[in-house]
Amino acid sequence: MESKLISLINSNEEWLMQRILDYASEHGYTKYTSTLKEAWRLSISGLSESISVALKEEHLSVELPVEEVSPSNSVAHFGVVEAERHRKRGISLRMFLSLFKYYRQSYFDLIDLKHDKGRKQEALYKIGRLFDIMEVGLCSSWIAEGQDKVIYDLQVANREITNEKNKYLTIFESSLSPGFFINPEGLVENRNLAASRMTQLGSQSGETYYPAEEILSPENGIGTITKQHIGDVLPWLKIEFNLFLNDVLPEHEFTKKVVKDGETTFYRIKISKMLDVSQKFSGTVLILEDITSLTKALDEVKTLKGLIPICSYCKKMKDDGGYWKRLEDYIESRSEAQFSHSICQDCMNKHFPDLD
């Protein structure tokens, strides 16, 4: 059993993930792959697990049999599963095999850089042969499917992708907090219904995603949407956003006071860069949360914590308008507290001495 080689592979999952991601980015494969880092990590995790299982076999043979590779072979099985998964997504065999060569190269690089010098050639040979077995398995599976089956699988996958897209679009549109997706130039690519209503740019869900201007027109053909700069849509946020866009301000969250038409609104602003390792969807996510009611409530709490004018004799309290109010009325108007009146024993004895 190749315990040292197995340990090397399993302890360098992050390194392998970053290596294949670098190769994929450098050679243009990220245009057709996942945008999230976790998907790349899982691909390395699954591949390393299959290789480790094979290396643990007591009588490991990495030579290519003249007959078909047994489906019980862990690496061959991995190749078959990945072939089916990517074929259904519309990935061509040529494209998948080409990227798979860089997966192989990533493992070769790891061995070359970190494995024991005296065991490098043997390790490279074994890993290379295991990748050969995977490739033979996935190629056999890929070409075994008839054209009708391939077309059917693609249709099913496309429906699933459309449904998933619609689900997340619905979640985005249903959010009560205004949300904006802004491209690297600062132009608003998309906004949800709450954002449209807040900026008075629309009142129907999906208006930004399915704009009327893109309906085929006999006179003008398909229209184009004029994207607005976030500084024009939200001029009161222009300074902070430009600082963020120019990397002066990091990913952050802050509170902003906005006065418009004599009304004051407080927003909690959240700005972050898109988590896209493929760089297909570079840009910024902007989320606004109206916290006006919360801010006013906290201000009231702060008022109650300060100096409160109270009459030394009747115990009435002076409000902000200069009027004297009963203590109960004063506190109830500034909190959610309500009073229920009773009588303490001392007052009972003082005012009603004849009652037991």
Foldseek 3Di string as FASTA:
>chain_A
DPVQLLCLLVVCLVVLLVQLLVVCLVVVVLVPDAFFSVVSSVVSVLQSVLLSVQVPDPDHDLDDDPDQDDCPRSLLVVLQVVLVVVLLQVDDPVSVVVSLVSSLVSSLVSLVVDNDPVCSVVVNVSSVSSSVSSNSSSVVNNVVDDPVVSVVSNVVSVVVVVVVVVVVLVVQQPDCWWKFWAALVQWTQDIHQNLCVVLVVDHDGCCSVDPPQQPQDPVPGGGDDDTDGVCVSPVQCVVVVVCVSVVVDAFDWDKDWDADPNDIWIKIKGKHWDSGSSPPRTTMMIIIDTCRVVVLLVVLVVVVVDDWDADPPQRFTQDPVRDTHRPQVVVVVNDVDHDDDDDDPVVCCVVPVVDD
